[in-house]
Amino acid sequence: MGKPTTTVRVLLFARLREDQGWHQQLVHLEQPTTVAQLQQQLGIHCPGLLWAVNQSFVTPDHLLQNGDELAFLPPITGG
């Protein structure tokens, strides 16, 4: 029997959505997995990136749980 798995809904916003070509997807991963590990697995690179799990800001070392919603939020620019 392998490691326990979990399912997380991943959301991308703004230019990340355009860069990656998708807005949301369900991702199945082994536990334990951190936000940073999933970001690396998905190939998401963005300076100044913020992360929110279940609509609360988290750090990259946050451990994901089954049913979490993870949003990758690029920095907002404008004038």
N, C-alpha and C. Protein backbone atom coordinates (compact mmCIF):
# COMPACT_ATOMS: atom_id res chain seq x y z
N MET A 1 0.84 -1.17 0.00
CA MET A 1 0.00 0.00 0.00
C MET A 1 0.89 1.24 0.00
N GLY A 2 0.56 2.26 -0.84
CA GLY A 2 1.36 3.48 -0.93
C GLY A 2 1.01 4.48 0.14
N LYS A 3 1.60 5.64 0.00
CA LYS A 3 1.31 6.73 0.93
C LYS A 3 -0.13 7.20 0.76
N PRO A 4 -0.73 7.74 1.83
CA PRO A 4 -2.08 8.29 1.70
C PRO A 4 -2.10 9.43 0.69
N THR A 5 -3.19 9.54 -0.04
CA THR A 5 -3.31 10.62 -1.01
C THR A 5 -4.39 11.60 -0.57
N THR A 6 -4.31 12.79 -1.13
CA THR A 6 -5.26 13.84 -0.84
C THR A 6 -5.61 14.54 -2.14
N THR A 7 -6.76 15.18 -2.18
CA THR A 7 -7.19 15.93 -3.34
C THR A 7 -7.34 17.39 -2.95
N VAL A 8 -6.72 18.26 -3.74
CA VAL A 8 -6.74 19.69 -3.49
C VAL A 8 -7.23 20.39 -4.75
N ARG A 9 -8.10 21.38 -4.59
CA ARG A 9 -8.54 22.21 -5.72
C ARG A 9 -7.57 23.37 -5.82
N VAL A 10 -6.93 23.53 -7.00
CA VAL A 10 -5.96 24.59 -7.21
C VAL A 10 -6.57 25.64 -8.13
N LEU A 11 -6.45 26.90 -7.72
CA LEU A 11 -6.96 28.03 -8.49
C LEU A 11 -5.81 28.95 -8.87
N LEU A 12 -5.81 29.41 -10.11
CA LEU A 12 -4.83 30.38 -10.58
C LEU A 12 -5.55 31.68 -10.95
N PHE A 13 -4.89 32.80 -10.70
CA PHE A 13 -5.49 34.09 -10.98
C PHE A 13 -4.56 34.94 -11.83
N ALA A 14 -5.16 35.93 -12.50
CA ALA A 14 -4.47 36.95 -13.28
C ALA A 14 -3.50 36.32 -14.28
N ARG A 15 -2.26 36.82 -14.29
CA ARG A 15 -1.33 36.37 -15.33
C ARG A 15 -0.93 34.91 -15.18
N LEU A 16 -1.04 34.35 -13.97
CA LEU A 16 -0.74 32.92 -13.81
C LEU A 16 -1.69 32.08 -14.64
N ARG A 17 -2.96 32.47 -14.65
CA ARG A 17 -3.96 31.75 -15.44
C ARG A 17 -3.57 31.78 -16.92
N GLU A 18 -3.14 32.95 -17.38
CA GLU A 18 -2.75 33.08 -18.78
C GLU A 18 -1.47 32.29 -19.07
N ASP A 19 -0.49 32.38 -18.16
CA ASP A 19 0.79 31.68 -18.36
C ASP A 19 0.62 30.17 -18.38
N GLN A 20 -0.20 29.62 -17.48
CA GLN A 20 -0.36 28.18 -17.35
C GLN A 20 -1.43 27.60 -18.29
N GLY A 21 -2.36 28.45 -18.73
CA GLY A 21 -3.40 27.99 -19.65
C GLY A 21 -4.57 27.29 -18.98
N TRP A 22 -4.72 27.47 -17.67
CA TRP A 22 -5.87 26.90 -16.96
C TRP A 22 -6.19 27.77 -15.75
N HIS A 23 -7.43 27.67 -15.28
CA HIS A 23 -7.88 28.48 -14.14
C HIS A 23 -7.98 27.66 -12.87
N GLN A 24 -8.52 26.45 -12.98
CA GLN A 24 -8.63 25.59 -11.80
C GLN A 24 -8.56 24.13 -12.21
N GLN A 25 -8.07 23.33 -11.26
CA GLN A 25 -8.04 21.88 -11.49
C GLN A 25 -7.93 21.17 -10.15
N LEU A 26 -8.39 19.94 -10.14
CA LEU A 26 -8.22 19.09 -8.97
C LEU A 26 -6.88 18.37 -9.12
N VAL A 27 -6.10 18.39 -8.04
CA VAL A 27 -4.79 17.75 -8.05
C VAL A 27 -4.77 16.69 -6.97
N HIS A 28 -4.36 15.49 -7.35
CA HIS A 28 -4.22 14.38 -6.40
C HIS A 28 -2.75 14.27 -6.05
N LEU A 29 -2.45 14.26 -4.75
CA LEU A 29 -1.05 14.21 -4.34
C LEU A 29 -0.88 13.38 -3.09
N GLU A 30 0.36 12.98 -2.88
CA GLU A 30 0.68 12.18 -1.70
C GLU A 30 0.81 13.09 -0.48
N GLN A 31 0.44 12.55 0.67
CA GLN A 31 0.61 13.29 1.91
C GLN A 31 1.92 12.87 2.54
N PRO A 32 2.62 13.70 3.24
CA PRO A 32 2.37 15.13 3.35
C PRO A 32 2.95 15.89 2.16
N THR A 33 2.26 16.95 1.75
CA THR A 33 2.74 17.83 0.68
C THR A 33 2.53 19.27 1.13
N THR A 34 3.56 20.09 0.94
CA THR A 34 3.44 21.51 1.29
C THR A 34 3.02 22.31 0.06
N VAL A 35 2.63 23.54 0.32
CA VAL A 35 2.28 24.47 -0.76
C VAL A 35 3.47 24.62 -1.71
N ALA A 36 4.67 24.79 -1.17
CA ALA A 36 5.87 24.96 -2.01
C ALA A 36 6.13 23.73 -2.88
N GLN A 37 5.94 22.54 -2.32
CA GLN A 37 6.17 21.32 -3.10
C GLN A 37 5.17 21.21 -4.25
N LEU A 38 3.92 21.56 -3.99
CA LEU A 38 2.92 21.51 -5.06
C LEU A 38 3.20 22.57 -6.11
N GLN A 39 3.62 23.74 -5.68
CA GLN A 39 3.97 24.81 -6.62
C GLN A 39 5.08 24.34 -7.56
N GLN A 40 6.09 23.68 -7.01
CA GLN A 40 7.19 23.17 -7.82
C GLN A 40 6.70 22.07 -8.76
N GLN A 41 5.85 21.19 -8.26
CA GLN A 41 5.30 20.10 -9.08
C GLN A 41 4.52 20.65 -10.27
N LEU A 42 3.81 21.76 -10.06
CA LEU A 42 3.00 22.36 -11.13
C LEU A 42 3.82 23.26 -12.05
N GLY A 43 5.07 23.54 -11.67
CA GLY A 43 5.93 24.38 -12.51
C GLY A 43 5.52 25.84 -12.50
N ILE A 44 5.03 26.32 -11.37
CA ILE A 44 4.59 27.71 -11.27
C ILE A 44 5.72 28.55 -10.70
N HIS A 45 6.14 29.56 -11.46
CA HIS A 45 7.22 30.45 -11.05
C HIS A 45 6.72 31.88 -11.17
N CYS A 46 6.76 32.62 -10.06
CA CYS A 46 6.28 34.00 -10.08
C CYS A 46 6.85 34.75 -8.87
N PRO A 47 7.75 35.71 -9.08
CA PRO A 47 8.25 36.49 -7.95
C PRO A 47 7.11 37.23 -7.25
N GLY A 48 7.16 37.25 -5.93
CA GLY A 48 6.15 37.97 -5.16
C GLY A 48 4.84 37.23 -5.00
N LEU A 49 4.82 35.95 -5.35
CA LEU A 49 3.61 35.14 -5.29
C LEU A 49 3.08 35.02 -3.85
N LEU A 50 1.77 35.05 -3.71
CA LEU A 50 1.11 34.79 -2.42
C LEU A 50 0.28 33.53 -2.56
N TRP A 51 0.03 32.87 -1.42
CA TRP A 51 -0.72 31.62 -1.39
C TRP A 51 -1.85 31.76 -0.39
N ALA A 52 -3.02 31.25 -0.75
CA ALA A 52 -4.16 31.23 0.18
C ALA A 52 -4.75 29.82 0.18
N VAL A 53 -4.94 29.28 1.36
CA VAL A 53 -5.60 27.99 1.52
C VAL A 53 -6.92 28.25 2.22
N ASN A 54 -8.00 27.84 1.56
CA ASN A 54 -9.35 28.06 2.09
C ASN A 54 -9.57 29.53 2.44
N GLN A 55 -9.07 30.40 1.56
CA GLN A 55 -9.24 31.85 1.61
C GLN A 55 -8.51 32.52 2.77
N SER A 56 -7.48 31.87 3.31
CA SER A 56 -6.62 32.48 4.33
C SER A 56 -5.18 32.40 3.84
N PHE A 57 -4.45 33.50 3.95
CA PHE A 57 -3.06 33.50 3.50
C PHE A 57 -2.22 32.54 4.33
N VAL A 58 -1.31 31.85 3.65
CA VAL A 58 -0.43 30.86 4.29
C VAL A 58 0.99 31.07 3.80
N THR A 59 1.93 30.37 4.45
CA THR A 59 3.33 30.37 4.04
C THR A 59 3.59 29.13 3.17
N PRO A 60 4.70 29.14 2.44
CA PRO A 60 4.98 28.01 1.54
C PRO A 60 5.14 26.67 2.23
N ASP A 61 5.43 26.68 3.54
CA ASP A 61 5.61 25.40 4.24
C ASP A 61 4.32 24.84 4.81
N HIS A 62 3.19 25.47 4.48
CA HIS A 62 1.87 25.00 4.94
C HIS A 62 1.58 23.62 4.36
N LEU A 63 1.18 22.67 5.23
CA LEU A 63 0.83 21.32 4.77
C LEU A 63 -0.61 21.30 4.26
N LEU A 64 -0.79 20.75 3.08
CA LEU A 64 -2.12 20.68 2.47
C LEU A 64 -2.88 19.48 3.01
N GLN A 65 -4.19 19.67 3.17
CA GLN A 65 -5.09 18.62 3.67
C GLN A 65 -6.12 18.28 2.60
N ASN A 66 -6.70 17.09 2.70
CA ASN A 66 -7.72 16.67 1.75
C ASN A 66 -8.86 17.68 1.73
N GLY A 67 -9.26 18.09 0.53
CA GLY A 67 -10.38 19.02 0.37
C GLY A 67 -10.00 20.48 0.41
N ASP A 68 -8.71 20.80 0.64
CA ASP A 68 -8.28 22.20 0.66
C ASP A 68 -8.46 22.83 -0.71
N GLU A 69 -8.65 24.15 -0.69
CA GLU A 69 -8.64 24.95 -1.90
C GLU A 69 -7.41 25.85 -1.81
N LEU A 70 -6.49 25.69 -2.75
CA LEU A 70 -5.24 26.46 -2.78
C LEU A 70 -5.29 27.44 -3.93
N ALA A 71 -5.14 28.72 -3.61
CA ALA A 71 -5.10 29.77 -4.64
C ALA A 71 -3.69 30.33 -4.74
N PHE A 72 -3.19 30.42 -5.96
CA PHE A 72 -1.91 31.09 -6.23
C PHE A 72 -2.25 32.49 -6.70
N LEU A 73 -1.75 33.50 -5.97
CA LEU A 73 -2.10 34.89 -6.24
C LEU A 73 -0.85 35.68 -6.61
N PRO A 74 -0.73 36.08 -7.87
CA PRO A 74 0.42 36.88 -8.27
C PRO A 74 0.28 38.30 -7.70
N PRO A 75 1.40 39.02 -7.60
CA PRO A 75 1.31 40.40 -7.09
C PRO A 75 0.46 41.26 -8.02
N ILE A 76 -0.26 42.17 -7.44
CA ILE A 76 -1.10 43.09 -8.21
C ILE A 76 -0.25 44.29 -8.59
N THR A 77 -0.29 44.63 -9.87
CA THR A 77 0.41 45.83 -10.32
C THR A 77 -0.58 46.73 -11.01
N GLY A 78 -0.29 47.97 -11.01
CA GLY A 78 -1.19 48.91 -11.66
C GLY A 78 -0.81 50.32 -11.28
N GLY A 79 -1.60 51.24 -11.78
CA GLY A 79 -1.27 52.62 -11.48
C GLY A 79 -2.44 53.52 -11.58
